[in-house]
Full PDB file with SEQRES, HELIX, SHEET, SSBOND, CRYST1, ORIGX, SCALE, CONECT and MASTER records, all heavy atoms in Angstrom:
SEQRES   1 A   41  LYS PRO LEU ALA TYR TRP PHE ALA VAL LEU PRO GLU GLY          
SEQRES   2 A   41  ARG SER LEU ALA HIS SER LEU VAL ILE ALA VAL PRO PHE          
SEQRES   3 A   41  TRP SER GLY LEU LEU LEU TYR ALA ARG ARG ILE ARG ARG          
SEQRES   4 A   41  GLY GLU                                                      
HELIX    1 AA1 PRO A    2  TYR A    5  1                                   4    
HELIX    2 AA2 LEU A   20  ARG A   36  1                                  17    
CRYST1    1.000    1.000    1.000  90.00  90.00  90.00 P 1           1          
ORIGX1      1.000000  0.000000  0.000000        0.00000                         
ORIGX2      0.000000  1.000000  0.000000        0.00000                         
ORIGX3      0.000000  0.000000  1.000000        0.00000                         
SCALE1      1.000000  0.000000  0.000000        0.00000                         
SCALE2      0.000000  1.000000  0.000000        0.00000                         
SCALE3      0.000000  0.000000  1.000000        0.00000                         
ATOM      1  N   LYS A   1     132.063 122.616  68.655  1.00  0.00           N  
ATOM      2  CA  LYS A   1     131.193 122.816  69.820  1.00  0.00           C  
ATOM      3  C   LYS A   1     129.703 122.784  69.471  1.00  0.00           C  
ATOM      4  O   LYS A   1     128.934 122.083  70.152  1.00  0.00           O  
ATOM      5  CB  LYS A   1     131.593 124.087  70.559  1.00  0.00           C  
ATOM      6  CG  LYS A   1     132.870 123.892  71.377  1.00  0.00           C  
ATOM      7  CD  LYS A   1     133.265 125.127  72.131  1.00  0.00           C  
ATOM      8  CE  LYS A   1     134.380 124.822  73.141  1.00  0.00           C  
ATOM      9  NZ  LYS A   1     135.527 124.110  72.587  1.00  0.00           N  
ATOM     10  N   PRO A   2     129.234 123.485  68.436  1.00  0.00           N  
ATOM     11  CA  PRO A   2     127.804 123.342  68.109  1.00  0.00           C  
ATOM     12  C   PRO A   2     127.424 121.915  67.708  1.00  0.00           C  
ATOM     13  O   PRO A   2     126.361 121.422  68.107  1.00  0.00           O  
ATOM     14  CB  PRO A   2     127.613 124.315  66.937  1.00  0.00           C  
ATOM     15  CG  PRO A   2     128.702 125.319  67.095  1.00  0.00           C  
ATOM     16  CD  PRO A   2     129.872 124.545  67.631  1.00  0.00           C  
ATOM     17  N   LEU A   3     128.287 121.253  66.951  1.00  0.00           N  
ATOM     18  CA  LEU A   3     127.970 119.890  66.518  1.00  0.00           C  
ATOM     19  C   LEU A   3     127.956 118.917  67.689  1.00  0.00           C  
ATOM     20  O   LEU A   3     127.233 117.916  67.659  1.00  0.00           O  
ATOM     21  CB  LEU A   3     128.972 119.422  65.465  1.00  0.00           C  
ATOM     22  CG  LEU A   3     128.871 120.100  64.101  1.00  0.00           C  
ATOM     23  CD1 LEU A   3     129.933 119.559  63.152  1.00  0.00           C  
ATOM     24  CD2 LEU A   3     127.475 119.918  63.489  1.00  0.00           C  
ATOM     25  N   ALA A   4     128.746 119.208  68.722  1.00  0.00           N  
ATOM     26  CA  ALA A   4     128.764 118.337  69.905  1.00  0.00           C  
ATOM     27  C   ALA A   4     127.687 118.717  70.913  1.00  0.00           C  
ATOM     28  O   ALA A   4     126.958 117.853  71.419  1.00  0.00           O  
ATOM     29  CB  ALA A   4     130.140 118.390  70.567  1.00  0.00           C  
ATOM     30  N   TYR A   5     127.551 120.023  71.220  1.00  0.00           N  
ATOM     31  CA  TYR A   5     126.660 120.460  72.289  1.00  0.00           C  
ATOM     32  C   TYR A   5     125.189 120.515  71.859  1.00  0.00           C  
ATOM     33  O   TYR A   5     124.293 120.180  72.640  1.00  0.00           O  
ATOM     34  CB  TYR A   5     127.062 121.837  72.791  1.00  0.00           C  
ATOM     35  CG  TYR A   5     128.465 121.918  73.371  1.00  0.00           C  
ATOM     36  CD1 TYR A   5     129.091 123.155  73.554  1.00  0.00           C  
ATOM     37  CD2 TYR A   5     129.180 120.778  73.727  1.00  0.00           C  
ATOM     38  CE1 TYR A   5     130.370 123.249  74.093  1.00  0.00           C  
ATOM     39  CE2 TYR A   5     130.453 120.861  74.250  1.00  0.00           C  
ATOM     40  CZ  TYR A   5     131.044 122.092  74.421  1.00  0.00           C  
ATOM     41  OH  TYR A   5     132.312 122.176  74.942  1.00  0.00           O  
ATOM     42  N   TRP A   6     124.938 120.986  70.630  1.00  0.00           N  
ATOM     43  CA  TRP A   6     123.563 121.188  70.186  1.00  0.00           C  
ATOM     44  C   TRP A   6     122.991 119.997  69.413  1.00  0.00           C  
ATOM     45  O   TRP A   6     121.829 119.654  69.572  1.00  0.00           O  
ATOM     46  CB  TRP A   6     123.462 122.435  69.306  1.00  0.00           C  
ATOM     47  CG  TRP A   6     123.667 123.714  70.055  1.00  0.00           C  
ATOM     48  CD1 TRP A   6     123.620 123.895  71.400  1.00  0.00           C  
ATOM     49  CD2 TRP A   6     123.952 125.004  69.488  1.00  0.00           C  
ATOM     50  NE1 TRP A   6     123.852 125.216  71.719  1.00  0.00           N  
ATOM     51  CE2 TRP A   6     124.063 125.919  70.567  1.00  0.00           C  
ATOM     52  CE3 TRP A   6     124.124 125.464  68.199  1.00  0.00           C  
ATOM     53  CZ2 TRP A   6     124.328 127.266  70.373  1.00  0.00           C  
ATOM     54  CZ3 TRP A   6     124.390 126.805  67.988  1.00  0.00           C  
ATOM     55  CH2 TRP A   6     124.487 127.703  69.069  1.00  0.00           C  
ATOM     56  N   PHE A   7     123.819 119.398  68.553  1.00  0.00           N  
ATOM     57  CA  PHE A   7     123.300 118.377  67.639  1.00  0.00           C  
ATOM     58  C   PHE A   7     123.768 116.955  67.972  1.00  0.00           C  
ATOM     59  O   PHE A   7     123.290 116.001  67.366  1.00  0.00           O  
ATOM     60  CB  PHE A   7     123.695 118.727  66.200  1.00  0.00           C  
ATOM     61  CG  PHE A   7     123.223 120.079  65.756  1.00  0.00           C  
ATOM     62  CD1 PHE A   7     124.104 121.154  65.656  1.00  0.00           C  
ATOM     63  CD2 PHE A   7     121.890 120.295  65.461  1.00  0.00           C  
ATOM     64  CE1 PHE A   7     123.671 122.405  65.253  1.00  0.00           C  
ATOM     65  CE2 PHE A   7     121.443 121.545  65.053  1.00  0.00           C  
ATOM     66  CZ  PHE A   7     122.329 122.603  64.958  1.00  0.00           C  
ATOM     67  N   ALA A   8     124.721 116.842  68.906  1.00  0.00           N  
ATOM     68  CA  ALA A   8     125.234 115.522  69.316  1.00  0.00           C  
ATOM     69  C   ALA A   8     125.758 114.709  68.132  1.00  0.00           C  
ATOM     70  O   ALA A   8     125.709 113.471  68.149  1.00  0.00           O  
ATOM     71  CB  ALA A   8     124.153 114.749  70.061  1.00  0.00           C  
ATOM     72  N   VAL A   9     126.279 115.398  67.118  1.00  0.00           N  
ATOM     73  CA  VAL A   9     126.868 114.717  65.964  1.00  0.00           C  
ATOM     74  C   VAL A   9     128.290 114.280  66.290  1.00  0.00           C  
ATOM     75  O   VAL A   9     128.743 113.216  65.839  1.00  0.00           O  
ATOM     76  CB  VAL A   9     126.850 115.643  64.727  1.00  0.00           C  
ATOM     77  CG1 VAL A   9     127.600 115.009  63.558  1.00  0.00           C  
ATOM     78  CG2 VAL A   9     125.419 115.978  64.337  1.00  0.00           C  
ATOM     79  N   LEU A  10     128.997 115.094  67.073  1.00  0.00           N  
ATOM     80  CA  LEU A  10     130.363 114.776  67.483  1.00  0.00           C  
ATOM     81  C   LEU A  10     130.367 114.364  68.952  1.00  0.00           C  
ATOM     82  O   LEU A  10     129.514 114.807  69.732  1.00  0.00           O  
ATOM     83  CB  LEU A  10     131.271 115.993  67.275  1.00  0.00           C  
ATOM     84  CG  LEU A  10     131.471 116.449  65.826  1.00  0.00           C  
ATOM     85  CD1 LEU A  10     132.325 117.705  65.776  1.00  0.00           C  
ATOM     86  CD2 LEU A  10     132.096 115.342  64.981  1.00  0.00           C  
ATOM     87  N   PRO A  11     131.342 113.566  69.352  1.00  0.00           N  
ATOM     88  CA  PRO A  11     131.354 113.068  70.729  1.00  0.00           C  
ATOM     89  C   PRO A  11     131.784 114.093  71.765  1.00  0.00           C  
ATOM     90  O   PRO A  11     131.474 113.946  72.952  1.00  0.00           O  
ATOM     91  CB  PRO A  11     132.363 111.914  70.674  1.00  0.00           C  
ATOM     92  CG  PRO A  11     133.291 112.288  69.552  1.00  0.00           C  
ATOM     93  CD  PRO A  11     132.419 112.963  68.544  1.00  0.00           C  
ATOM     94  N   GLU A  12     132.495 115.130  71.324  1.00  0.00           N  
ATOM     95  CA  GLU A  12     133.060 116.075  72.300  1.00  0.00           C  
ATOM     96  C   GLU A  12     133.361 117.391  71.609  1.00  0.00           C  
ATOM     97  O   GLU A  12     133.476 117.449  70.375  1.00  0.00           O  
ATOM     98  CB  GLU A  12     134.335 115.466  72.901  1.00  0.00           C  
ATOM     99  CG  GLU A  12     134.661 115.959  74.309  1.00  0.00           C  
ATOM    100  CD  GLU A  12     135.608 117.144  74.298  1.00  0.00           C  
ATOM    101  OE1 GLU A  12     136.446 117.231  73.390  1.00  0.00           O  
ATOM    102  OE2 GLU A  12     135.509 117.976  75.225  1.00  0.00           O  
ATOM    103  N   GLY A  13     133.457 118.474  72.390  1.00  0.00           N  
ATOM    104  CA  GLY A  13     133.671 119.802  71.828  1.00  0.00           C  
ATOM    105  C   GLY A  13     135.051 120.023  71.242  1.00  0.00           C  
ATOM    106  O   GLY A  13     135.322 121.078  70.662  1.00  0.00           O  
ATOM    107  N   ARG A  14     135.941 119.057  71.397  1.00  0.00           N  
ATOM    108  CA  ARG A  14     137.241 119.078  70.728  1.00  0.00           C  
ATOM    109  C   ARG A  14     137.424 117.718  70.057  1.00  0.00           C  
ATOM    110  O   ARG A  14     137.816 116.755  70.695  1.00  0.00           O  
ATOM    111  CB  ARG A  14     138.374 119.335  71.727  1.00  0.00           C  
ATOM    112  CG  ARG A  14     138.433 120.748  72.247  1.00  0.00           C  
ATOM    113  CD  ARG A  14     139.654 121.002  73.110  1.00  0.00           C  
ATOM    114  NE  ARG A  14     139.644 120.169  74.309  1.00  0.00           N  
ATOM    115  CZ  ARG A  14     140.547 120.278  75.292  1.00  0.00           C  
ATOM    116  NH1 ARG A  14     141.521 121.170  75.202  1.00  0.00           N  
ATOM    117  NH2 ARG A  14     140.478 119.498  76.356  1.00  0.00           N  
ATOM    118  N   SER A  15     137.122 117.662  68.774  1.00  0.00           N  
ATOM    119  CA  SER A  15     137.236 116.386  68.054  1.00  0.00           C  
ATOM    120  C   SER A  15     137.540 116.630  66.587  1.00  0.00           C  
ATOM    121  O   SER A  15     138.715 116.741  66.215  1.00  0.00           O  
ATOM    122  CB  SER A  15     135.956 115.543  68.243  1.00  0.00           C  
ATOM    123  OG  SER A  15     134.790 116.311  68.012  1.00  0.00           O  
ATOM    124  N   LEU A  16     136.544 116.771  65.746  1.00  0.00           N  
ATOM    125  CA  LEU A  16     136.735 116.842  64.299  1.00  0.00           C  
ATOM    126  C   LEU A  16     137.710 117.933  63.859  1.00  0.00           C  
ATOM    127  O   LEU A  16     138.737 117.657  63.243  1.00  0.00           O  
ATOM    128  CB  LEU A  16     135.378 117.047  63.617  1.00  0.00           C  
ATOM    129  CG  LEU A  16     135.406 117.251  62.104  1.00  0.00           C  
ATOM    130  CD1 LEU A  16     135.892 115.991  61.402  1.00  0.00           C  
ATOM    131  CD2 LEU A  16     134.023 117.654  61.587  1.00  0.00           C  
ATOM    132  N   ALA A  17     137.406 119.185  64.158  1.00  0.00           N  
ATOM    133  CA  ALA A  17     138.230 120.292  63.690  1.00  0.00           C  
ATOM    134  C   ALA A  17     139.466 120.522  64.548  1.00  0.00           C  
ATOM    135  O   ALA A  17     140.301 121.358  64.218  1.00  0.00           O  
ATOM    136  CB  ALA A  17     137.397 121.581  63.628  1.00  0.00           C  
ATOM    137  N   HIS A  18     139.580 119.787  65.662  1.00  0.00           N  
ATOM    138  CA  HIS A  18     140.771 119.857  66.505  1.00  0.00           C  
ATOM    139  C   HIS A  18     141.737 118.705  66.230  1.00  0.00           C  
ATOM    140  O   HIS A  18     142.819 118.658  66.813  1.00  0.00           O  
ATOM    141  CB  HIS A  18     140.389 119.818  67.990  1.00  0.00           C  
ATOM    142  CG  HIS A  18     139.786 121.077  68.515  1.00  0.00           C  
ATOM    143  ND1 HIS A  18     138.474 121.414  68.299  1.00  0.00           N  
ATOM    144  CD2 HIS A  18     140.313 122.081  69.262  1.00  0.00           C  
ATOM    145  CE1 HIS A  18     138.208 122.566  68.899  1.00  0.00           C  
ATOM    146  NE2 HIS A  18     139.304 122.999  69.489  1.00  0.00           N  
ATOM    147  N   SER A  19     141.341 117.770  65.389  1.00  0.00           N  
ATOM    148  CA  SER A  19     142.118 116.558  65.172  1.00  0.00           C  
ATOM    149  C   SER A  19     143.217 116.766  64.136  1.00  0.00           C  
ATOM    150  O   SER A  19     142.962 117.242  63.028  1.00  0.00           O  
ATOM    151  CB  SER A  19     141.200 115.427  64.717  1.00  0.00           C  
ATOM    152  OG  SER A  19     141.945 114.297  64.319  1.00  0.00           O  
ATOM    153  N   LEU A  20     144.431 116.371  64.479  1.00  0.00           N  
ATOM    154  CA  LEU A  20     145.535 116.444  63.517  1.00  0.00           C  
ATOM    155  C   LEU A  20     145.352 115.441  62.390  1.00  0.00           C  
ATOM    156  O   LEU A  20     145.880 115.638  61.289  1.00  0.00           O  
ATOM    157  CB  LEU A  20     146.869 116.197  64.231  1.00  0.00           C  
ATOM    158  CG  LEU A  20     147.302 117.267  65.242  1.00  0.00           C  
ATOM    159  CD1 LEU A  20     148.617 116.867  65.906  1.00  0.00           C  
ATOM    160  CD2 LEU A  20     147.443 118.629  64.568  1.00  0.00           C  
ATOM    161  N   VAL A  21     144.623 114.381  62.651  1.00  0.00           N  
ATOM    162  CA  VAL A  21     144.334 113.397  61.599  1.00  0.00           C  
ATOM    163  C   VAL A  21     143.560 114.052  60.460  1.00  0.00           C  
ATOM    164  O   VAL A  21     143.758 113.735  59.290  1.00  0.00           O  
ATOM    165  CB  VAL A  21     143.541 112.211  62.187  1.00  0.00           C  
ATOM    166  CG1 VAL A  21     143.139 111.228  61.096  1.00  0.00           C  
ATOM    167  CG2 VAL A  21     144.355 111.511  63.265  1.00  0.00           C  
ATOM    168  N   ILE A  22     142.683 114.973  60.803  1.00  0.00           N  
ATOM    169  CA  ILE A  22     141.905 115.715  59.807  1.00  0.00           C  
ATOM    170  C   ILE A  22     142.669 116.945  59.330  1.00  0.00           C  
ATOM    171  O   ILE A  22     142.684 117.264  58.139  1.00  0.00           O  
ATOM    172  CB  ILE A  22     140.545 116.145  60.398  1.00  0.00           C  
ATOM    173  CG1 ILE A  22     139.808 114.952  61.004  1.00  0.00           C  
ATOM    174  CG2 ILE A  22     139.697 116.843  59.350  1.00  0.00           C  
ATOM    175  CD1 ILE A  22     139.444 113.871  60.032  1.00  0.00           C  
ATOM    176  N   ALA A  23     143.306 117.636  60.261  1.00  0.00           N  
ATOM    177  CA  ALA A  23     143.901 118.935  59.948  1.00  0.00           C  
ATOM    178  C   ALA A  23     145.104 118.848  59.024  1.00  0.00           C  
ATOM    179  O   ALA A  23     145.244 119.657  58.096  1.00  0.00           O  
ATOM    180  CB  ALA A  23     144.292 119.649  61.246  1.00  0.00           C  
ATOM    181  N   VAL A  24     145.994 117.890  59.253  1.00  0.00           N  
ATOM    182  CA  VAL A  24     147.238 117.839  58.460  1.00  0.00           C  
ATOM    183  C   VAL A  24     146.956 117.636  56.970  1.00  0.00           C  
ATOM    184  O   VAL A  24     147.510 118.361  56.133  1.00  0.00           O  
ATOM    185  CB  VAL A  24     148.193 116.771  59.029  1.00  0.00           C  
ATOM    186  CG1 VAL A  24     149.378 116.571  58.081  1.00  0.00           C  
ATOM    187  CG2 VAL A  24     148.693 117.186  60.412  1.00  0.00           C  
ATOM    188  N   PRO A  25     146.102 116.687  56.570  1.00  0.00           N  
ATOM    189  CA  PRO A  25     145.771 116.601  55.141  1.00  0.00           C  
ATOM    190  C   PRO A  25     145.094 117.863  54.613  1.00  0.00           C  
ATOM    191  O   PRO A  25     145.346 118.282  53.470  1.00  0.00           O  
ATOM    192  CB  PRO A  25     144.831 115.389  55.065  1.00  0.00           C  
ATOM    193  CG  PRO A  25     145.140 114.584  56.278  1.00  0.00           C  
ATOM    194  CD  PRO A  25     145.500 115.576  57.339  1.00  0.00           C  
ATOM    195  N   PHE A  26     144.232 118.470  55.444  1.00  0.00           N  
ATOM    196  CA  PHE A  26     143.569 119.705  55.042  1.00  0.00           C  
ATOM    197  C   PHE A  26     144.589 120.820  54.798  1.00  0.00           C  
ATOM    198  O   PHE A  26     144.529 121.525  53.784  1.00  0.00           O  
ATOM    199  CB  PHE A  26     142.565 120.126  56.109  1.00  0.00           C  
ATOM    200  CG  PHE A  26     142.015 121.510  55.937  1.00  0.00           C  
ATOM    201  CD1 PHE A  26     141.161 121.806  54.888  1.00  0.00           C  
ATOM    202  CD2 PHE A  26     142.366 122.537  56.816  1.00  0.00           C  
ATOM    203  CE1 PHE A  26     140.658 123.090  54.723  1.00  0.00           C  
ATOM    204  CE2 PHE A  26     141.863 123.820  56.658  1.00  0.00           C  
ATOM    205  CZ  PHE A  26     141.006 124.090  55.608  1.00  0.00           C  
ATOM    206  N   TRP A  27     145.530 120.969  55.724  1.00  0.00           N  
ATOM    207  CA  TRP A  27     146.556 122.000  55.558  1.00  0.00           C  
ATOM    208  C   TRP A  27     147.394 121.764  54.307  1.00  0.00           C  
ATOM    209  O   TRP A  27     147.700 122.699  53.571  1.00  0.00           O  
ATOM    210  CB  TRP A  27     147.475 122.028  56.781  1.00  0.00           C  
ATOM    211  CG  TRP A  27     146.806 122.397  58.058  1.00  0.00           C  
ATOM    212  CD1 TRP A  27     145.624 123.081  58.196  1.00  0.00           C  
ATOM    213  CD2 TRP A  27     147.253 122.094  59.379  1.00  0.00           C  
ATOM    214  NE1 TRP A  27     145.317 123.215  59.527  1.00  0.00           N  
ATOM    215  CE2 TRP A  27     146.291 122.632  60.276  1.00  0.00           C  
ATOM    216  CE3 TRP A  27     148.363 121.429  59.894  1.00  0.00           C  
ATOM    217  CZ2 TRP A  27     146.435 122.511  61.655  1.00  0.00           C  
ATOM    218  CZ3 TRP A  27     148.497 121.306  61.277  1.00  0.00           C  
ATOM    219  CH2 TRP A  27     147.540 121.841  62.135  1.00  0.00           C  
ATOM    220  N   SER A  28     147.766 120.520  54.079  1.00  0.00           N  
ATOM    221  CA  SER A  28     148.604 120.198  52.923  1.00  0.00           C  
ATOM    222  C   SER A  28     147.888 120.542  51.624  1.00  0.00           C  
ATOM    223  O   SER A  28     148.457 121.183  50.734  1.00  0.00           O  
ATOM    224  CB  SER A  28     148.972 118.708  52.943  1.00  0.00           C  
ATOM    225  OG  SER A  28     149.672 118.375  54.122  1.00  0.00           O  
ATOM    226  N   GLY A  29     146.630 120.115  51.517  1.00  0.00           N  
ATOM    227  CA  GLY A  29     145.862 120.415  50.314  1.00  0.00           C  
ATOM    228  C   GLY A  29     145.636 121.907  50.128  1.00  0.00           C  
ATOM    229  O   GLY A  29     145.727 122.429  49.016  1.00  0.00           O  
ATOM    230  N   LEU A  30     145.362 122.601  51.228  1.00  0.00           N  
ATOM    231  CA  LEU A  30     145.121 124.040  51.155  1.00  0.00           C  
ATOM    232  C   LEU A  30     146.364 124.788  50.692  1.00  0.00           C  
ATOM    233  O   LEU A  30     146.289 125.682  49.828  1.00  0.00           O  
ATOM    234  CB  LEU A  30     144.680 124.557  52.519  1.00  0.00           C  
ATOM    235  CG  LEU A  30     144.466 126.072  52.639  1.00  0.00           C  
ATOM    236  CD1 LEU A  30     143.331 126.525  51.747  1.00  0.00           C  
ATOM    237  CD2 LEU A  30     144.212 126.465  54.085  1.00  0.00           C  
ATOM    238  N   LEU A  31     147.525 124.454  51.241  1.00  0.00           N  
ATOM    239  CA  LEU A  31     148.762 125.136  50.856  1.00  0.00           C  
ATOM    240  C   LEU A  31     149.111 124.876  49.395  1.00  0.00           C  
ATOM    241  O   LEU A  31     149.567 125.782  48.690  1.00  0.00           O  
ATOM    242  CB  LEU A  31     149.905 124.702  51.771  1.00  0.00           C  
ATOM    243  CG  LEU A  31     149.822 125.185  53.221  1.00  0.00           C  
ATOM    244  CD1 LEU A  31     150.950 124.584  54.046  1.00  0.00           C  
ATOM    245  CD2 LEU A  31     149.878 126.716  53.297  1.00  0.00           C  
ATOM    246  N   LEU A  32     148.905 123.649  48.947  1.00  0.00           N  
ATOM    247  CA  LEU A  32     149.176 123.341  47.541  1.00  0.00           C  
ATOM    248  C   LEU A  32     148.244 124.128  46.621  1.00  0.00           C  
ATOM    249  O   LEU A  32     148.675 124.681  45.608  1.00  0.00           O  
ATOM    250  CB  LEU A  32     149.018 121.840  47.295  1.00  0.00           C  
ATOM    251  CG  LEU A  32     150.119 120.942  47.866  1.00  0.00           C  
ATOM    252  CD1 LEU A  32     149.743 119.477  47.701  1.00  0.00           C  
ATOM    253  CD2 LEU A  32     151.462 121.233  47.185  1.00  0.00           C  
ATOM    254  N   TYR A  33     146.962 124.180  47.002  1.00  0.00           N  
ATOM    255  CA  TYR A  33     145.998 124.917  46.177  1.00  0.00           C  
ATOM    256  C   TYR A  33     146.281 126.419  46.202  1.00  0.00           C  
ATOM    257  O   TYR A  33     146.227 127.090  45.159  1.00  0.00           O  
ATOM    258  CB  TYR A  33     144.587 124.642  46.676  1.00  0.00           C  
ATOM    259  CG  TYR A  33     143.525 125.364  45.878  1.00  0.00           C  
ATOM    260  CD1 TYR A  33     143.249 124.998  44.563  1.00  0.00           C  
ATOM    261  CD2 TYR A  33     142.808 126.421  46.434  1.00  0.00           C  
ATOM    262  CE1 TYR A  33     142.277 125.666  43.825  1.00  0.00           C  
ATOM    263  CE2 TYR A  33     141.838 127.089  45.712  1.00  0.00           C  
ATOM    264  CZ  TYR A  33     141.578 126.703  44.401  1.00  0.00           C  
ATOM    265  OH  TYR A  33     140.625 127.373  43.677  1.00  0.00           O  
ATOM    266  N   ALA A  34     146.583 126.961  47.389  1.00  0.00           N  
ATOM    267  CA  ALA A  34     146.882 128.389  47.502  1.00  0.00           C  
ATOM    268  C   ALA A  34     148.107 128.762  46.669  1.00  0.00           C  
ATOM    269  O   ALA A  34     148.137 129.816  46.021  1.00  0.00           O  
ATOM    270  CB  ALA A  34     147.110 128.762  48.965  1.00  0.00           C  
ATOM    271  N   ARG A  35     149.094 127.893  46.675  1.00  0.00           N  
ATOM    272  CA  ARG A  35     150.283 128.156  45.861  1.00  0.00           C  
ATOM    273  C   ARG A  35     149.946 128.113  44.387  1.00  0.00           C  
ATOM    274  O   ARG A  35     150.442 128.929  43.598  1.00  0.00           O  
ATOM    275  CB  ARG A  35     151.366 127.137  46.190  1.00  0.00           C  
ATOM    276  CG  ARG A  35     152.669 127.359  45.432  1.00  0.00           C  
ATOM    277  CD  ARG A  35     153.721 126.362  45.857  1.00  0.00           C  
ATOM    278  NE  ARG A  35     154.972 126.574  45.145  1.00  0.00           N  
ATOM    279  CZ  ARG A  35     156.061 125.829  45.299  1.00  0.00           C  
ATOM    280  NH1 ARG A  35     156.037 124.813  46.163  1.00  0.00           N  
ATOM    281  NH2 ARG A  35     157.142 126.081  44.609  1.00  0.00           N  
ATOM    282  N   ARG A  36     149.100 127.185  44.008  1.00  0.00           N  
ATOM    283  CA  ARG A  36     148.728 127.051  42.597  1.00  0.00           C  
ATOM    284  C   ARG A  36     148.005 128.273  42.086  1.00  0.00           C  
ATOM    285  O   ARG A  36     148.206 128.702  40.944  1.00  0.00           O  
ATOM    286  CB  ARG A  36     147.852 125.809  42.428  1.00  0.00           C  
ATOM    287  CG  ARG A  36     147.418 125.551  40.989  1.00  0.00           C  
ATOM    288  CD  ARG A  36     146.582 124.291  40.893  1.00  0.00           C  
ATOM    289  NE  ARG A  36     146.144 124.047  39.540  1.00  0.00           N  
ATOM    290  CZ  ARG A  36     145.359 123.037  39.185  1.00  0.00           C  
ATOM    291  NH1 ARG A  36     144.942 122.174  40.108  1.00  0.00           N  
ATOM    292  NH2 ARG A  36     144.988 122.885  37.927  1.00  0.00           N  
ATOM    293  N   ILE A  37     147.128 128.868  42.894  1.00  0.00           N  
ATOM    294  CA  ILE A  37     146.365 130.034  42.446  1.00  0.00           C  
ATOM    295  C   ILE A  37     147.031 131.341  42.884  1.00  0.00           C  
ATOM    296  O   ILE A  37     146.410 132.401  42.817  1.00  0.00           O  
ATOM    297  CB  ILE A  37     144.916 129.974  42.962  1.00  0.00           C  
ATOM    298  CG1 ILE A  37     144.871 130.038  44.492  1.00  0.00           C  
ATOM    299  CG2 ILE A  37     144.211 128.726  42.443  1.00  0.00           C  
ATOM    300  CD1 ILE A  37     143.459 130.184  45.055  1.00  0.00           C  
ATOM    301  N   ARG A  38     148.265 131.262  43.346  1.00  0.00           N  
ATOM    302  CA  ARG A  38     149.054 132.440  43.725  1.00  0.00           C  
ATOM    303  C   ARG A  38     148.412 133.218  44.877  1.00  0.00           C  
ATOM    304  O   ARG A  38     148.319 134.448  44.855  1.00  0.00           O  
ATOM    305  CB  ARG A  38     149.281 133.354  42.522  1.00  0.00           C  
ATOM    306  CG  ARG A  38     150.033 132.671  41.383  1.00  0.00           C  
ATOM    307  CD  ARG A  38     150.245 133.626  40.218  1.00  0.00           C  
ATOM    308  NE  ARG A  38     150.886 132.956  39.114  1.00  0.00           N  
ATOM    309  CZ  ARG A  38     152.213 132.798  38.988  1.00  0.00           C  
ATOM    310  NH1 ARG A  38     153.010 133.278  39.925  1.00  0.00           N  
ATOM    311  NH2 ARG A  38     152.717 132.174  37.938  1.00  0.00           N  
ATOM    312  N   ARG A  39     147.958 132.494  45.876  1.00  0.00           N  
ATOM    313  CA  ARG A  39     147.424 133.105  47.099  1.00  0.00           C  
ATOM    314  C   ARG A  39     148.164 132.527  48.300  1.00  0.00           C  
ATOM    315  O   ARG A  39     147.566 132.138  49.298  1.00  0.00           O  
ATOM    316  CB  ARG A  39     145.917 132.836  47.251  1.00  0.00           C  
ATOM    317  CG  ARG A  39     145.052 133.340  46.113  1.00  0.00           C  
ATOM    318  CD  ARG A  39     145.040 134.863  46.037  1.00  0.00           C  
ATOM    319  NE  ARG A  39     144.030 135.331  45.113  1.00  0.00           N  
ATOM    320  CZ  ARG A  39     144.201 135.500  43.812  1.00  0.00           C  
ATOM    321  NH1 ARG A  39     145.380 135.197  43.277  1.00  0.00           N  
ATOM    322  NH2 ARG A  39     143.220 135.936  43.050  1.00  0.00           N  
ATOM    323  N   GLY A  40     149.488 132.455  48.181  1.00  0.00           N  
ATOM    324  CA  GLY A  40     150.291 131.792  49.191  1.00  0.00           C  
ATOM    325  C   GLY A  40     150.146 132.383  50.579  1.00  0.00           C  
ATOM    326  O   GLY A  40     149.995 131.649  51.563  1.00  0.00           O  
ATOM    327  N   GLU A  41     150.187 133.705  50.690  1.00  0.00           N  
ATOM    328  CA  GLU A  41     150.096 134.321  52.014  1.00  0.00           C  
ATOM    329  C   GLU A  41     148.738 134.060  52.653  1.00  0.00           C  
ATOM    330  O   GLU A  41     148.640 133.841  53.871  1.00  0.00           O  
ATOM    331  CB  GLU A  41     150.340 135.831  51.916  1.00  0.00           C  
ATOM    332  CG  GLU A  41     150.404 136.505  53.277  1.00  0.00           C  
ATOM    333  CD  GLU A  41     150.622 138.013  53.198  1.00  0.00           C  
ATOM    334  OE1 GLU A  41     151.026 138.510  52.125  1.00  0.00           O  
ATOM    335  OE2 GLU A  41     150.377 138.680  54.220  1.00  0.00           O  
TER     336      GLU A  41                                                      
MASTER        0    0    0    2    0    0    0    6  335    1    0    4          
END                                                                             
């Protein structure tokens, strides 16, 4: 929302951080890293 409403960097208030195209790889990498450093929960 700030990037869309204030800075016009994103096209809409639901785009970058709402996108599954971005989120799914992020989640996968995060879970793998959390497991590696024993911070699974």
